[in-house]
Each structure stands twice: as structure tokens, then as C-alpha cells.
Amino acid sequence: MACTKSVHPLALAITIQPNRTTAATGDTITFTTEVQGGQIVNVTIHFGDGEEDFYNTNYARTATLQFRHAYAAPGTFDVDAVVLDAVAGAKADTVQVVVN
């Protein structure tokens, strides 16, 4: 009798957490994203000031990634992290940061 094991996809999920939600202009903020899914293709982060970053996850099932960004101007920014999964589509999470 042969033994077989099925691997079921994880539910698509993403969270984004900054190391701080307020900063001075020019200070670096680190955004940690945790993602899970069936076949994660990539994670893109939009910093809310026209800049973005991207990481190719090569079809991983889980990943914890850190993105760093320094804002050149003061303001309130909505930071969106988007996970793209080859099977389950896309999902996003948003956090707001204030730069003085």
C-alpha cells in the first residue's frame, strides 16, 4: 500500500505592520509583511507617495518580508501591501503612517 500526502493551499492572507506609525521626514520606516497562500507569486508594497517596492516569492506558501522606506516630504500616507497568488488571486492590507 502506497502512502500519499496531499498539500492543501493555505487561505490567502496578508498583514502589514510598520515598526512605527509616525516618523520625521527622511527617517526610515520598516514595514514587515506576513503572507500565506497556495502559490504566492509576489508581494508589492505601495508607500503612498508614488514609490513602490516588489519581492518575487517564487510560489512559496508563506513568507515574512521587510520593506524599508524613507519619506521625502511630510504628510499622511496610506501604505498598501498586495500579495498575488497564482491560484487564489490577490489580497491587500493597508496601514497609515504620518510623516512630520
N, C-alpha and C. Protein backbone atom coordinates (compact mmCIF):
# COMPACT_ATOMS: atom_id res chain seq x y z
N MET A 1 0.84 -1.16 0.00
CA MET A 1 0.00 0.00 0.00
C MET A 1 0.90 1.24 0.00
N ALA A 2 0.65 2.13 -0.93
CA ALA A 2 1.42 3.36 -1.04
C ALA A 2 0.81 4.44 -0.15
N CYS A 3 1.65 5.26 0.37
CA CYS A 3 1.21 6.37 1.21
C CYS A 3 1.25 7.64 0.36
N THR A 4 0.18 8.38 0.35
CA THR A 4 0.15 9.65 -0.38
C THR A 4 -0.20 10.76 0.58
N LYS A 5 0.32 11.92 0.28
CA LYS A 5 0.07 13.07 1.13
C LYS A 5 -0.38 14.23 0.24
N SER A 6 -1.50 14.81 0.58
CA SER A 6 -1.99 15.97 -0.16
C SER A 6 -1.64 17.23 0.62
N VAL A 7 -1.20 18.23 -0.11
CA VAL A 7 -0.93 19.53 0.49
C VAL A 7 -2.01 20.48 0.01
N HIS A 8 -2.84 20.91 0.92
CA HIS A 8 -3.92 21.82 0.57
C HIS A 8 -3.41 23.26 0.65
N PRO A 9 -3.86 24.11 -0.26
CA PRO A 9 -3.43 25.51 -0.21
C PRO A 9 -3.87 26.17 1.09
N LEU A 10 -3.05 27.05 1.58
CA LEU A 10 -3.43 27.86 2.73
C LEU A 10 -4.36 28.97 2.26
N ALA A 11 -5.21 29.44 3.12
CA ALA A 11 -6.08 30.56 2.78
C ALA A 11 -5.21 31.78 2.49
N LEU A 12 -5.53 32.52 1.45
CA LEU A 12 -4.75 33.69 1.09
C LEU A 12 -4.90 34.77 2.15
N ALA A 13 -3.77 35.25 2.67
CA ALA A 13 -3.80 36.26 3.73
C ALA A 13 -2.55 37.12 3.66
N ILE A 14 -2.69 38.37 4.10
CA ILE A 14 -1.55 39.28 4.19
C ILE A 14 -1.79 40.24 5.34
N THR A 15 -0.71 40.55 6.07
CA THR A 15 -0.74 41.60 7.08
C THR A 15 0.48 42.48 6.87
N ILE A 16 0.34 43.75 7.18
CA ILE A 16 1.45 44.69 7.11
C ILE A 16 1.55 45.40 8.44
N GLN A 17 2.77 45.52 8.96
CA GLN A 17 2.99 46.16 10.25
C GLN A 17 4.23 47.04 10.16
N PRO A 18 4.09 48.36 10.35
CA PRO A 18 5.27 49.23 10.38
C PRO A 18 5.93 49.17 11.75
N ASN A 19 7.24 49.45 11.79
CA ASN A 19 7.92 49.49 13.09
C ASN A 19 7.54 50.75 13.86
N ARG A 20 6.93 51.72 13.17
CA ARG A 20 6.36 52.91 13.81
C ARG A 20 5.36 53.54 12.85
N THR A 21 4.39 54.25 13.38
CA THR A 21 3.37 54.87 12.54
C THR A 21 3.56 56.37 12.39
N THR A 22 4.53 56.93 13.11
CA THR A 22 4.91 58.33 12.92
C THR A 22 6.41 58.41 12.79
N ALA A 23 6.87 59.34 11.94
CA ALA A 23 8.30 59.50 11.71
C ALA A 23 8.58 60.91 11.22
N ALA A 24 9.82 61.31 11.30
CA ALA A 24 10.25 62.59 10.75
C ALA A 24 10.61 62.39 9.28
N THR A 25 10.52 63.45 8.50
CA THR A 25 10.92 63.40 7.10
C THR A 25 12.35 62.88 7.01
N GLY A 26 12.58 61.92 6.14
CA GLY A 26 13.91 61.34 5.95
C GLY A 26 14.20 60.13 6.81
N ASP A 27 13.42 59.91 7.87
CA ASP A 27 13.62 58.72 8.71
C ASP A 27 13.11 57.47 7.98
N THR A 28 13.78 56.36 8.19
CA THR A 28 13.38 55.11 7.56
C THR A 28 12.34 54.39 8.41
N ILE A 29 11.28 53.94 7.76
CA ILE A 29 10.26 53.11 8.40
C ILE A 29 10.39 51.71 7.80
N THR A 30 10.38 50.70 8.66
CA THR A 30 10.43 49.31 8.21
C THR A 30 9.03 48.72 8.28
N PHE A 31 8.57 48.19 7.15
CA PHE A 31 7.25 47.56 7.06
C PHE A 31 7.45 46.05 6.96
N THR A 32 6.93 45.30 7.92
CA THR A 32 7.01 43.84 7.88
C THR A 32 5.69 43.30 7.35
N THR A 33 5.77 42.47 6.31
CA THR A 33 4.58 41.83 5.76
C THR A 33 4.68 40.34 5.98
N GLU A 34 3.57 39.75 6.40
CA GLU A 34 3.47 38.30 6.53
C GLU A 34 2.38 37.85 5.58
N VAL A 35 2.72 36.88 4.71
CA VAL A 35 1.77 36.41 3.70
C VAL A 35 1.69 34.89 3.73
N GLN A 36 0.54 34.39 3.32
CA GLN A 36 0.37 32.95 3.13
C GLN A 36 -0.60 32.74 1.99
N GLY A 37 -0.49 31.57 1.35
CA GLY A 37 -1.38 31.23 0.25
C GLY A 37 -1.01 29.87 -0.32
N GLY A 38 -1.51 29.59 -1.49
CA GLY A 38 -1.23 28.31 -2.14
C GLY A 38 0.04 28.35 -2.95
N GLN A 39 0.16 29.35 -3.82
CA GLN A 39 1.33 29.55 -4.66
C GLN A 39 1.57 31.05 -4.79
N ILE A 40 2.23 31.63 -3.80
CA ILE A 40 2.44 33.08 -3.78
C ILE A 40 3.46 33.45 -4.86
N VAL A 41 3.03 34.33 -5.75
CA VAL A 41 3.89 34.78 -6.85
C VAL A 41 4.78 35.93 -6.39
N ASN A 42 4.16 36.96 -5.78
CA ASN A 42 4.95 38.11 -5.35
C ASN A 42 4.18 38.94 -4.34
N VAL A 43 4.91 39.88 -3.76
CA VAL A 43 4.33 40.87 -2.85
C VAL A 43 4.79 42.24 -3.33
N THR A 44 3.84 43.15 -3.47
CA THR A 44 4.15 44.53 -3.86
C THR A 44 3.68 45.45 -2.74
N ILE A 45 4.49 46.47 -2.44
CA ILE A 45 4.10 47.45 -1.44
C ILE A 45 4.10 48.82 -2.10
N HIS A 46 3.01 49.55 -1.90
CA HIS A 46 2.85 50.91 -2.40
C HIS A 46 2.93 51.83 -1.18
N PHE A 47 3.93 52.71 -1.16
CA PHE A 47 4.20 53.51 0.03
C PHE A 47 3.30 54.73 0.18
N GLY A 48 2.47 55.01 -0.83
CA GLY A 48 1.53 56.12 -0.73
C GLY A 48 2.06 57.45 -1.20
N ASP A 49 3.34 57.48 -1.56
CA ASP A 49 3.96 58.72 -2.05
C ASP A 49 4.42 58.58 -3.50
N GLY A 50 3.88 57.59 -4.21
CA GLY A 50 4.27 57.35 -5.59
C GLY A 50 5.38 56.32 -5.75
N GLU A 51 5.97 55.91 -4.65
CA GLU A 51 7.04 54.90 -4.68
C GLU A 51 6.46 53.53 -4.33
N GLU A 52 7.09 52.49 -4.86
CA GLU A 52 6.69 51.12 -4.54
C GLU A 52 7.90 50.21 -4.54
N ASP A 53 7.73 49.03 -3.98
CA ASP A 53 8.77 48.00 -3.97
C ASP A 53 8.09 46.66 -4.21
N PHE A 54 8.89 45.66 -4.54
CA PHE A 54 8.36 44.39 -5.03
C PHE A 54 9.29 43.27 -4.60
N TYR A 55 8.73 42.12 -4.26
CA TYR A 55 9.54 40.94 -3.96
C TYR A 55 8.91 39.72 -4.61
N ASN A 56 9.69 38.98 -5.38
CA ASN A 56 9.25 37.75 -6.03
C ASN A 56 9.43 36.59 -5.04
N THR A 57 8.34 35.90 -4.71
CA THR A 57 8.39 34.84 -3.70
C THR A 57 8.53 33.44 -4.29
N ASN A 58 8.56 33.33 -5.62
CA ASN A 58 8.79 32.03 -6.29
C ASN A 58 7.84 30.93 -5.83
N TYR A 59 6.55 31.25 -5.75
CA TYR A 59 5.49 30.28 -5.44
C TYR A 59 5.60 29.67 -4.04
N ALA A 60 6.12 30.43 -3.11
CA ALA A 60 6.17 29.98 -1.71
C ALA A 60 4.75 29.87 -1.15
N ARG A 61 4.60 29.16 -0.06
CA ARG A 61 3.30 29.07 0.63
C ARG A 61 3.20 30.11 1.74
N THR A 62 4.33 30.49 2.31
CA THR A 62 4.37 31.53 3.34
C THR A 62 5.63 32.37 3.15
N ALA A 63 5.59 33.60 3.63
CA ALA A 63 6.78 34.45 3.58
C ALA A 63 6.61 35.58 4.59
N THR A 64 7.71 35.97 5.19
CA THR A 64 7.78 37.17 6.02
C THR A 64 8.83 38.06 5.38
N LEU A 65 8.41 39.26 4.99
CA LEU A 65 9.28 40.16 4.24
C LEU A 65 9.35 41.51 4.93
N GLN A 66 10.50 42.17 4.79
CA GLN A 66 10.64 43.52 5.32
C GLN A 66 10.97 44.47 4.17
N PHE A 67 10.23 45.58 4.13
CA PHE A 67 10.46 46.64 3.16
C PHE A 67 10.80 47.90 3.95
N ARG A 68 11.80 48.65 3.48
CA ARG A 68 12.20 49.89 4.16
C ARG A 68 11.95 51.07 3.24
N HIS A 69 11.50 52.18 3.84
CA HIS A 69 11.21 53.36 3.03
C HIS A 69 11.39 54.61 3.88
N ALA A 70 11.97 55.65 3.27
CA ALA A 70 12.09 56.96 3.89
C ALA A 70 11.29 57.95 3.06
N TYR A 71 10.45 58.72 3.70
CA TYR A 71 9.61 59.69 3.01
C TYR A 71 10.35 61.02 2.89
N ALA A 72 10.28 61.63 1.70
CA ALA A 72 10.99 62.87 1.43
C ALA A 72 10.19 64.10 1.83
N ALA A 73 8.89 63.93 2.04
CA ALA A 73 8.02 65.06 2.38
C ALA A 73 7.07 64.66 3.50
N PRO A 74 6.63 65.64 4.28
CA PRO A 74 5.67 65.33 5.33
C PRO A 74 4.29 65.03 4.75
N GLY A 75 3.49 64.32 5.53
CA GLY A 75 2.12 64.01 5.11
C GLY A 75 1.62 62.76 5.79
N THR A 76 0.38 62.42 5.48
CA THR A 76 -0.24 61.18 5.95
C THR A 76 -0.34 60.26 4.75
N PHE A 77 0.20 59.05 4.88
CA PHE A 77 0.32 58.14 3.76
C PHE A 77 -0.37 56.81 4.06
N ASP A 78 -1.19 56.35 3.11
CA ASP A 78 -1.78 55.01 3.17
C ASP A 78 -0.83 54.06 2.46
N VAL A 79 -0.31 53.09 3.19
CA VAL A 79 0.65 52.12 2.65
C VAL A 79 -0.10 50.82 2.40
N ASP A 80 -0.10 50.38 1.14
CA ASP A 80 -0.80 49.16 0.74
C ASP A 80 0.20 48.07 0.42
N ALA A 81 -0.01 46.89 0.97
CA ALA A 81 0.77 45.70 0.61
C ALA A 81 -0.18 44.74 -0.08
N VAL A 82 0.24 44.22 -1.23
CA VAL A 82 -0.61 43.34 -2.04
C VAL A 82 0.12 42.03 -2.29
N VAL A 83 -0.52 40.91 -1.98
CA VAL A 83 0.03 39.60 -2.28
C VAL A 83 -0.70 39.06 -3.50
N LEU A 84 0.05 38.50 -4.45
CA LEU A 84 -0.52 37.88 -5.64
C LEU A 84 -0.26 36.39 -5.57
N ASP A 85 -1.32 35.61 -5.64
CA ASP A 85 -1.24 34.16 -5.57
C ASP A 85 -1.69 33.58 -6.91
N ALA A 86 -0.96 32.59 -7.43
CA ALA A 86 -1.26 32.01 -8.74
C ALA A 86 -2.61 31.32 -8.77
N VAL A 87 -3.10 30.87 -7.63
CA VAL A 87 -4.37 30.15 -7.57
C VAL A 87 -5.50 31.03 -7.02
N ALA A 88 -5.23 31.75 -5.95
CA ALA A 88 -6.29 32.46 -5.22
C ALA A 88 -6.45 33.93 -5.59
N GLY A 89 -5.64 34.46 -6.49
CA GLY A 89 -5.78 35.86 -6.88
C GLY A 89 -4.96 36.79 -6.01
N ALA A 90 -5.53 37.95 -5.69
CA ALA A 90 -4.80 38.96 -4.94
C ALA A 90 -5.56 39.35 -3.68
N LYS A 91 -4.80 39.82 -2.69
CA LYS A 91 -5.38 40.31 -1.44
C LYS A 91 -4.47 41.41 -0.93
N ALA A 92 -5.05 42.42 -0.26
CA ALA A 92 -4.27 43.56 0.20
C ALA A 92 -4.54 43.86 1.67
N ASP A 93 -3.60 44.56 2.27
CA ASP A 93 -3.76 45.11 3.61
C ASP A 93 -3.19 46.52 3.57
N THR A 94 -3.74 47.41 4.40
CA THR A 94 -3.34 48.82 4.39
C THR A 94 -3.05 49.28 5.81
N VAL A 95 -2.04 50.14 5.92
CA VAL A 95 -1.72 50.78 7.19
C VAL A 95 -1.43 52.26 6.88
N GLN A 96 -1.68 53.12 7.83
CA GLN A 96 -1.44 54.54 7.63
C GLN A 96 -0.26 54.99 8.47
N VAL A 97 0.62 55.82 7.86
CA VAL A 97 1.74 56.40 8.59
C VAL A 97 1.70 57.92 8.43
N VAL A 98 2.20 58.62 9.45
CA VAL A 98 2.25 60.07 9.43
C VAL A 98 3.71 60.49 9.48
N VAL A 99 4.09 61.35 8.54
CA VAL A 99 5.46 61.86 8.47
C VAL A 99 5.41 63.36 8.74
N ASN A 100 6.20 63.80 9.72
CA ASN A 100 6.23 65.22 10.11
C ASN A 100 7.43 65.93 9.52
